Structures are given as C-alpha cells and as structure tokens.
C-alpha cells in the first residue's frame, strides 16, 4: 500500500497546527482525522467548535496551572502591590 505524499503532508500540517498537545505528533486523534477527511472530501466541518472545546477542556481540567505566566497574571491582578 502506497501513501500519497500530498495527503501525508496535509496530515502533518493539520496535526501540528490544530493539535492541542505539545508532543506526541506520531498519532492522530479522532477529531483531527475528521478534520483531514473533511478537507480532502470537501465536506463541511466546524473547526471553531473543535478549537473551542479543546480550549474549554484545558481550562476545566486545571491544566492552566502548568503555565506559570497565567498564574503570574492572576497574582498580579489579585495582589497588585506584591
């Protein structure tokens, strides 16, 4: 079975551009596969909904504490004279 190079490149670009993980680009998640299929077959797909859901999941799972700049912003806001 031969993999067509343009689709392989498209998959690589979509995984890096729209994937929410910092590492582990070797495997594609289900919603990324749906994005690629919709792009290849010219189907409708709600990209903004997927991006919004991933942003919401990052906030509700308390992953935002991993980013010290956000914690520093909260501290600066709550304690301006620190």
PDB file of N, CA and C in Angstrom:
ATOM      1  N   UNK A   1       0.838  -1.176   0.000  1.00  0.00           N
ATOM      2  CA  UNK A   1       0.000   0.000   0.000  1.00  0.00           C
ATOM      3  C   UNK A   1       0.880   1.236   0.000  1.00  0.00           C
ATOM      4  N   UNK A   2       0.636   2.146  -0.901  1.00  0.00           N
ATOM      5  CA  UNK A   2       1.454   3.338  -1.084  1.00  0.00           C
ATOM      6  C   UNK A   2       0.721   4.549  -0.527  1.00  0.00           C
ATOM      7  N   UNK A   3       1.404   5.311   0.325  1.00  0.00           N
ATOM      8  CA  UNK A   3       0.805   6.518   0.893  1.00  0.00           C
ATOM      9  C   UNK A   3       1.097   7.684  -0.046  1.00  0.00           C
ATOM     10  N   UNK A   4       0.049   8.404  -0.398  1.00  0.00           N
ATOM     11  CA  UNK A   4       0.201   9.546  -1.293  1.00  0.00           C
ATOM     12  C   UNK A   4       0.828  10.700  -0.501  1.00  0.00           C
ATOM     13  N   UNK A   5       1.911  11.254  -1.008  1.00  0.00           N
ATOM     14  CA  UNK A   5       2.685  12.260  -0.289  1.00  0.00           C
ATOM     15  C   UNK A   5       1.923  13.547   0.017  1.00  0.00           C
ATOM     16  N   UNK A   6       1.113  14.113  -0.890  1.00  0.00           N
ATOM     17  CA  UNK A   6       0.407  15.349  -0.517  1.00  0.00           C
ATOM     18  C   UNK A   6      -0.530  15.176   0.676  1.00  0.00           C
ATOM     19  N   UNK A   7      -1.211  14.032   0.761  1.00  0.00           N
ATOM     20  CA  UNK A   7      -2.092  13.814   1.900  1.00  0.00           C
ATOM     21  C   UNK A   7      -1.308  13.581   3.176  1.00  0.00           C
ATOM     22  N   UNK A   8      -0.145  12.968   3.050  1.00  0.00           N
ATOM     23  CA  UNK A   8       0.715  12.774   4.208  1.00  0.00           C
ATOM     24  C   UNK A   8       1.185  14.129   4.738  1.00  0.00           C
ATOM     25  N   UNK A   9       1.542  15.037   3.846  1.00  0.00           N
ATOM     26  CA  UNK A   9       1.948  16.382   4.250  1.00  0.00           C
ATOM     27  C   UNK A   9       0.777  17.152   4.858  1.00  0.00           C
ATOM     28  N   UNK A  10      -0.413  17.008   4.267  1.00  0.00           N
ATOM     29  CA  UNK A  10      -1.606  17.667   4.819  1.00  0.00           C
ATOM     30  C   UNK A  10      -1.879  17.177   6.233  1.00  0.00           C
ATOM     31  N   UNK A  11      -1.753  15.881   6.450  1.00  0.00           N
ATOM     32  CA  UNK A  11      -1.974  15.328   7.781  1.00  0.00           C
ATOM     33  C   UNK A  11      -0.944  15.875   8.763  1.00  0.00           C
ATOM     34  N   UNK A  12       0.296  15.959   8.359  1.00  0.00           N
ATOM     35  CA  UNK A  12       1.350  16.503   9.208  1.00  0.00           C
ATOM     36  C   UNK A  12       1.057  17.953   9.599  1.00  0.00           C
ATOM     37  N   UNK A  13       0.635  18.759   8.642  1.00  0.00           N
ATOM     38  CA  UNK A  13       0.357  20.170   8.903  1.00  0.00           C
ATOM     39  C   UNK A  13      -0.843  20.328   9.837  1.00  0.00           C
ATOM     40  N   UNK A  14      -1.898  19.560   9.618  1.00  0.00           N
ATOM     41  CA  UNK A  14      -3.092  19.671  10.457  1.00  0.00           C
ATOM     42  C   UNK A  14      -2.791  19.222  11.890  1.00  0.00           C
ATOM     43  N   UNK A  15      -2.027  18.155  12.042  1.00  0.00           N
ATOM     44  CA  UNK A  15      -1.693  17.678  13.386  1.00  0.00           C
ATOM     45  C   UNK A  15      -0.890  18.727  14.139  1.00  0.00           C
ATOM     46  N   UNK A  16       0.070  19.358  13.475  1.00  0.00           N
ATOM     47  CA  UNK A  16       0.892  20.363  14.150  1.00  0.00           C
ATOM     48  C   UNK A  16       0.152  21.676  14.373  1.00  0.00           C
ATOM     49  N   UNK A  17      -0.687  22.063  13.429  1.00  0.00           N
ATOM     50  CA  UNK A  17      -1.359  23.354  13.550  1.00  0.00           C
ATOM     51  C   UNK A  17      -2.559  23.317  14.484  1.00  0.00           C
ATOM     52  N   UNK A  18      -3.332  22.255  14.436  1.00  0.00           N
ATOM     53  CA  UNK A  18      -4.574  22.210  15.192  1.00  0.00           C
ATOM     54  C   UNK A  18      -4.572  21.209  16.334  1.00  0.00           C
ATOM     55  N   UNK A  19      -3.488  20.495  16.510  1.00  0.00           N
ATOM     56  CA  UNK A  19      -3.400  19.567  17.633  1.00  0.00           C
ATOM     57  C   UNK A  19      -3.166  20.334  18.920  1.00  0.00           C
ATOM     58  N   UNK A  20      -3.765  19.899  20.002  1.00  0.00           N
ATOM     59  CA  UNK A  20      -3.666  20.630  21.255  1.00  0.00           C
ATOM     60  C   UNK A  20      -2.544  20.120  22.149  1.00  0.00           C
ATOM     61  N   UNK A  21      -1.820  19.118  21.699  1.00  0.00           N
ATOM     62  CA  UNK A  21      -0.745  18.568  22.514  1.00  0.00           C
ATOM     63  C   UNK A  21       0.588  19.206  22.153  1.00  0.00           C
ATOM     64  N   UNK A  22       1.495  19.248  23.106  1.00  0.00           N
ATOM     65  CA  UNK A  22       2.822  19.781  22.831  1.00  0.00           C
ATOM     66  C   UNK A  22       3.733  18.737  22.207  1.00  0.00           C
ATOM     67  N   UNK A  23       3.496  17.475  22.472  1.00  0.00           N
ATOM     68  CA  UNK A  23       4.324  16.406  21.934  1.00  0.00           C
ATOM     69  C   UNK A  23       3.469  15.253  21.471  1.00  0.00           C
ATOM     70  N   UNK A  24       4.098  14.193  21.029  1.00  0.00           N
ATOM     71  CA  UNK A  24       3.363  13.018  20.588  1.00  0.00           C
ATOM     72  C   UNK A  24       2.641  13.225  19.283  1.00  0.00           C
ATOM     73  N   UNK A  25       3.363  13.740  18.288  1.00  0.00           N
ATOM     74  CA  UNK A  25       2.730  14.005  16.997  1.00  0.00           C
ATOM     75  C   UNK A  25       2.653  12.767  16.116  1.00  0.00           C
ATOM     76  N   UNK A  26       3.069  11.603  16.646  1.00  0.00           N
ATOM     77  CA  UNK A  26       3.077  10.389  15.838  1.00  0.00           C
ATOM     78  C   UNK A  26       1.700   9.831  15.553  1.00  0.00           C
ATOM     79  N   UNK A  27       0.733  10.125  16.392  1.00  0.00           N
ATOM     80  CA  UNK A  27      -0.603   9.568  16.168  1.00  0.00           C
ATOM     81  C   UNK A  27      -1.639  10.694  16.134  1.00  0.00           C
ATOM     82  N   UNK A  28      -2.643  10.493  15.321  1.00  0.00           N
ATOM     83  CA  UNK A  28      -3.689  11.497  15.174  1.00  0.00           C
ATOM     84  C   UNK A  28      -4.906  11.100  16.004  1.00  0.00           C
ATOM     85  N   UNK A  29      -5.527  12.081  16.620  1.00  0.00           N
ATOM     86  CA  UNK A  29      -6.720  11.862  17.421  1.00  0.00           C
ATOM     87  C   UNK A  29      -7.928  11.852  16.486  1.00  0.00           C
ATOM     88  N   UNK A  30      -9.052  11.366  16.989  1.00  0.00           N
ATOM     89  CA  UNK A  30     -10.239  11.191  16.156  1.00  0.00           C
ATOM     90  C   UNK A  30     -10.712  12.499  15.526  1.00  0.00           C
ATOM     91  N   UNK A  31     -10.723  13.601  16.301  1.00  0.00           N
ATOM     92  CA  UNK A  31     -11.227  14.853  15.717  1.00  0.00           C
ATOM     93  C   UNK A  31     -10.276  15.395  14.653  1.00  0.00           C
ATOM     94  N   UNK A  32      -8.984  15.094  14.767  1.00  0.00           N
ATOM     95  CA  UNK A  32      -8.045  15.523  13.731  1.00  0.00           C
ATOM     96  C   UNK A  32      -8.262  14.713  12.460  1.00  0.00           C
ATOM     97  N   UNK A  33      -8.544  13.433  12.609  1.00  0.00           N
ATOM     98  CA  UNK A  33      -8.842  12.613  11.436  1.00  0.00           C
ATOM     99  C   UNK A  33     -10.111  13.101  10.743  1.00  0.00           C
ATOM    100  N   UNK A  34     -11.106  13.525  11.516  1.00  0.00           N
ATOM    101  CA  UNK A  34     -12.333  14.076  10.920  1.00  0.00           C
ATOM    102  C   UNK A  34     -12.034  15.368  10.162  1.00  0.00           C
ATOM    103  N   UNK A  35     -11.140  16.194  10.715  1.00  0.00           N
ATOM    104  CA  UNK A  35     -10.744  17.418  10.011  1.00  0.00           C
ATOM    105  C   UNK A  35     -10.096  17.099   8.674  1.00  0.00           C
ATOM    106  N   UNK A  36      -9.190  16.137   8.670  1.00  0.00           N
ATOM    107  CA  UNK A  36      -8.465  15.799   7.447  1.00  0.00           C
ATOM    108  C   UNK A  36      -9.412  15.215   6.398  1.00  0.00           C
ATOM    109  N   UNK A  37     -10.316  14.347   6.815  1.00  0.00           N
ATOM    110  CA  UNK A  37     -11.275  13.759   5.873  1.00  0.00           C
ATOM    111  C   UNK A  37     -12.182  14.841   5.296  1.00  0.00           C
ATOM    112  N   UNK A  38     -12.615  15.769   6.132  1.00  0.00           N
ATOM    113  CA  UNK A  38     -13.492  16.826   5.616  1.00  0.00           C
ATOM    114  C   UNK A  38     -12.749  17.746   4.653  1.00  0.00           C
ATOM    115  N   UNK A  39     -11.461  17.996   4.910  1.00  0.00           N
ATOM    116  CA  UNK A  39     -10.686  18.805   3.972  1.00  0.00           C
ATOM    117  C   UNK A  39     -10.469  18.083   2.652  1.00  0.00           C
ATOM    118  N   UNK A  40     -10.174  16.783   2.717  1.00  0.00           N
ATOM    119  CA  UNK A  40      -9.913  16.019   1.488  1.00  0.00           C
ATOM    120  C   UNK A  40     -11.164  15.820   0.651  1.00  0.00           C
ATOM    121  N   UNK A  41     -12.297  15.593   1.304  1.00  0.00           N
ATOM    122  CA  UNK A  41     -13.537  15.321   0.570  1.00  0.00           C
ATOM    123  C   UNK A  41     -14.403  16.560   0.366  1.00  0.00           C
ATOM    124  N   UNK A  42     -13.903  17.721   0.792  1.00  0.00           N
ATOM    125  CA  UNK A  42     -14.607  18.985   0.637  1.00  0.00           C
ATOM    126  C   UNK A  42     -15.977  18.948   1.334  1.00  0.00           C
ATOM    127  N   UNK A  43     -15.983  18.445   2.579  1.00  0.00           N
ATOM    128  CA  UNK A  43     -17.188  18.383   3.392  1.00  0.00           C
ATOM    129  C   UNK A  43     -17.185  19.517   4.405  1.00  0.00           C
ATOM    130  N   UNK A  44     -18.343  19.799   4.959  1.00  0.00           N
ATOM    131  CA  UNK A  44     -18.441  20.840   5.984  1.00  0.00           C
ATOM    132  C   UNK A  44     -17.953  20.294   7.319  1.00  0.00           C
ATOM    133  N   UNK A  45     -17.210  21.121   8.044  1.00  0.00           N
ATOM    134  CA  UNK A  45     -16.729  20.738   9.365  1.00  0.00           C
ATOM    135  C   UNK A  45     -16.597  21.999  10.200  1.00  0.00           C
ATOM    136  N   UNK A  46     -17.022  21.949  11.443  1.00  0.00           N
ATOM    137  CA  UNK A  46     -17.000  23.109  12.319  1.00  0.00           C
ATOM    138  C   UNK A  46     -15.668  23.145  13.090  1.00  0.00           C
ATOM    139  N   UNK A  47     -14.659  23.792  12.493  1.00  0.00           N
ATOM    140  CA  UNK A  47     -13.330  23.867  13.089  1.00  0.00           C
ATOM    141  C   UNK A  47     -13.348  24.696  14.372  1.00  0.00           C
ATOM    142  N   UNK A  48     -14.109  25.770  14.379  1.00  0.00           N
ATOM    143  CA  UNK A  48     -14.119  26.643  15.554  1.00  0.00           C
ATOM    144  C   UNK A  48     -14.719  25.930  16.768  1.00  0.00           C
ATOM    145  N   UNK A  49     -15.685  25.043  16.546  1.00  0.00           N
ATOM    146  CA  UNK A  49     -16.259  24.291  17.659  1.00  0.00           C
ATOM    147  C   UNK A  49     -15.220  23.361  18.280  1.00  0.00           C
ATOM    148  N   UNK A  50     -14.429  22.703  17.452  1.00  0.00           N
ATOM    149  CA  UNK A  50     -13.396  21.798  17.954  1.00  0.00           C
ATOM    150  C   UNK A  50     -12.349  22.570  18.742  1.00  0.00           C
ATOM    151  N   UNK A  51     -11.922  23.708  18.217  1.00  0.00           N
ATOM    152  CA  UNK A  51     -10.917  24.518  18.911  1.00  0.00           C
ATOM    153  C   UNK A  51     -11.479  25.022  20.235  1.00  0.00           C
ATOM    154  N   UNK A  52     -12.733  25.477  20.239  1.00  0.00           N
ATOM    155  CA  UNK A  52     -13.352  25.951  21.475  1.00  0.00           C
ATOM    156  C   UNK A  52     -13.460  24.833  22.507  1.00  0.00           C
ATOM    157  N   UNK A  53     -13.864  23.631  22.083  1.00  0.00           N
ATOM    158  CA  UNK A  53     -13.985  22.511  23.019  1.00  0.00           C
ATOM    159  C   UNK A  53     -12.635  22.125  23.622  1.00  0.00           C
ATOM    160  N   UNK A  54     -11.574  22.170  22.813  1.00  0.00           N
ATOM    161  CA  UNK A  54     -10.250  21.849  23.342  1.00  0.00           C
ATOM    162  C   UNK A  54      -9.783  22.915  24.333  1.00  0.00           C
ATOM    163  N   UNK A  55     -10.080  24.174  24.051  1.00  0.00           N
ATOM    164  CA  UNK A  55      -9.733  25.240  24.993  1.00  0.00           C
ATOM    165  C   UNK A  55     -10.517  25.079  26.291  1.00  0.00           C
ATOM    166  N   UNK A  56     -11.806  24.726  26.183  1.00  0.00           N
ATOM    167  CA  UNK A  56     -12.635  24.524  27.367  1.00  0.00           C
ATOM    168  C   UNK A  56     -12.131  23.342  28.194  1.00  0.00           C
ATOM    169  N   UNK A  57     -11.724  22.273  27.532  1.00  0.00           N
ATOM    170  CA  UNK A  57     -11.196  21.109  28.245  1.00  0.00           C
ATOM    171  C   UNK A  57      -9.909  21.447  28.984  1.00  0.00           C
ATOM    172  N   UNK A  58      -9.065  22.258  28.395  1.00  0.00           N
ATOM    173  CA  UNK A  58      -7.821  22.647  29.059  1.00  0.00           C
ATOM    174  C   UNK A  58      -8.089  23.455  30.316  1.00  0.00           C
ATOM    175  N   UNK A  59      -9.134  24.267  30.314  1.00  0.00           N
ATOM    176  CA  UNK A  59      -9.439  25.083  31.489  1.00  0.00           C
ATOM    177  C   UNK A  59     -10.114  24.247  32.570  1.00  0.00           C
ATOM    178  N   UNK A  60     -11.058  23.389  32.183  1.00  0.00           N
ATOM    179  CA  UNK A  60     -11.793  22.628  33.184  1.00  0.00           C
ATOM    180  C   UNK A  60     -10.954  21.528  33.827  1.00  0.00           C
ATOM    181  N   UNK A  61      -9.916  21.060  33.159  1.00  0.00           N
ATOM    182  CA  UNK A  61      -9.082  20.004  33.721  1.00  0.00           C
ATOM    183  C   UNK A  61      -7.911  20.567  34.520  1.00  0.00           C
ATOM    184  N   UNK A  62      -7.918  21.861  34.758  1.00  0.00           N
ATOM    185  CA  UNK A  62      -6.898  22.552  35.539  1.00  0.00           C
ATOM    186  C   UNK A  62      -5.489  22.367  34.975  1.00  0.00           C
ATOM    187  N   UNK A  63      -5.381  22.279  33.662  1.00  0.00           N
ATOM    188  CA  UNK A  63      -4.068  22.227  33.021  1.00  0.00           C
ATOM    189  C   UNK A  63      -3.442  23.612  32.939  1.00  0.00           C
ATOM    190  N   UNK A  64      -4.251  24.642  33.151  1.00  0.00           N
ATOM    191  CA  UNK A  64      -3.729  26.001  33.039  1.00  0.00           C
ATOM    192  C   UNK A  64      -2.717  26.294  34.119  1.00  0.00           C
ATOM    193  N   UNK A  65      -2.700  25.499  35.183  1.00  0.00           N
ATOM    194  CA  UNK A  65      -1.708  25.704  36.241  1.00  0.00           C
ATOM    195  C   UNK A  65      -0.300  25.333  35.787  1.00  0.00           C
ATOM    196  N   UNK A  66      -0.194  24.620  34.663  1.00  0.00           N
ATOM    197  CA  UNK A  66       1.118  24.258  34.139  1.00  0.00           C
ATOM    198  C   UNK A  66       1.829  25.462  33.549  1.00  0.00           C
ATOM    199  N   UNK A  67       1.109  26.520  33.253  1.00  0.00           N
ATOM    200  CA  UNK A  67       1.687  27.683  32.597  1.00  0.00           C
ATOM    201  C   UNK A  67       1.920  28.785  33.628  1.00  0.00           C
ATOM    202  N   UNK A  68       3.167  29.024  34.020  1.00  0.00           N
ATOM    203  CA  UNK A  68       3.439  29.998  35.073  1.00  0.00           C
ATOM    204  C   UNK A  68       3.067  31.429  34.703  1.00  0.00           C
ATOM    205  N   UNK A  69       3.040  31.761  33.421  1.00  0.00           N
ATOM    206  CA  UNK A  69       2.692  33.136  33.049  1.00  0.00           C
ATOM    207  C   UNK A  69       1.235  33.442  33.403  1.00  0.00           C
ATOM    208  N   UNK A  70       0.348  32.461  33.271  1.00  0.00           N
ATOM    209  CA  UNK A  70      -1.060  32.670  33.628  1.00  0.00           C
ATOM    210  C   UNK A  70      -1.201  32.822  35.134  1.00  0.00           C
ATOM    211  N   UNK A  71      -0.475  32.000  35.886  1.00  0.00           N
ATOM    212  CA  UNK A  71      -0.508  32.111  37.346  1.00  0.00           C
ATOM    213  C   UNK A  71       0.040  33.475  37.774  1.00  0.00           C
ATOM    214  N   UNK A  72       1.097  33.939  37.106  1.00  0.00           N
ATOM    215  CA  UNK A  72       1.665  35.251  37.421  1.00  0.00           C
ATOM    216  C   UNK A  72       0.664  36.366  37.107  1.00  0.00           C
ATOM    217  N   UNK A  73      -0.095  36.237  36.023  1.00  0.00           N
ATOM    218  CA  UNK A  73      -1.124  37.228  35.706  1.00  0.00           C
ATOM    219  C   UNK A  73      -2.179  37.298  36.792  1.00  0.00           C
ATOM    220  N   UNK A  74      -2.626  36.129  37.275  1.00  0.00           N
ATOM    221  CA  UNK A  74      -3.613  36.104  38.355  1.00  0.00           C
ATOM    222  C   UNK A  74      -3.059  36.755  39.621  1.00  0.00           C
ATOM    223  N   UNK A  75      -1.818  36.440  39.951  1.00  0.00           N
ATOM    224  CA  UNK A  75      -1.215  37.040  41.138  1.00  0.00           C
ATOM    225  C   UNK A  75      -1.091  38.558  41.004  1.00  0.00           C
ATOM    226  N   UNK A  76      -0.683  39.027  39.834  1.00  0.00           N
ATOM    227  CA  UNK A  76      -0.566  40.467  39.606  1.00  0.00           C
ATOM    228  C   UNK A  76      -1.924  41.153  39.709  1.00  0.00           C
ATOM    229  N   UNK A  77      -2.968  40.475  39.277  1.00  0.00           N
ATOM    230  CA  UNK A  77      -4.296  41.054  39.331  1.00  0.00           C
ATOM    231  C   UNK A  77      -4.829  41.086  40.781  1.00  0.00           C
ATOM    232  N   UNK A  78      -4.657  39.981  41.495  1.00  0.00           N
ATOM    233  CA  UNK A  78      -5.196  39.885  42.842  1.00  0.00           C
ATOM    234  C   UNK A  78      -4.365  40.647  43.871  1.00  0.00           C
ATOM    235  N   UNK A  79      -3.055  40.687  43.671  1.00  0.00           N
ATOM    236  CA  UNK A  79      -2.159  41.361  44.614  1.00  0.00           C
ATOM    237  C   UNK A  79      -1.281  42.356  43.852  1.00  0.00           C
ATOM    238  N   UNK A  80      -1.808  43.506  43.515  1.00  0.00           N
ATOM    239  CA  UNK A  80      -1.049  44.443  42.675  1.00  0.00           C
ATOM    240  C   UNK A  80       0.196  45.019  43.363  1.00  0.00           C
ATOM    241  N   UNK A  81       0.224  45.068  44.681  1.00  0.00           N
ATOM    242  CA  UNK A  81       1.368  45.660  45.394  1.00  0.00           C
ATOM    243  C   UNK A  81       2.332  44.591  45.885  1.00  0.00           C
ATOM    244  N   UNK A  82       2.360  43.453  45.287  1.00  0.00           N
ATOM    245  CA  UNK A  82       3.189  42.354  45.760  1.00  0.00           C
ATOM    246  C   UNK A  82       4.660  42.634  45.590  1.00  0.00           C
TER     247      UNK A  82
END
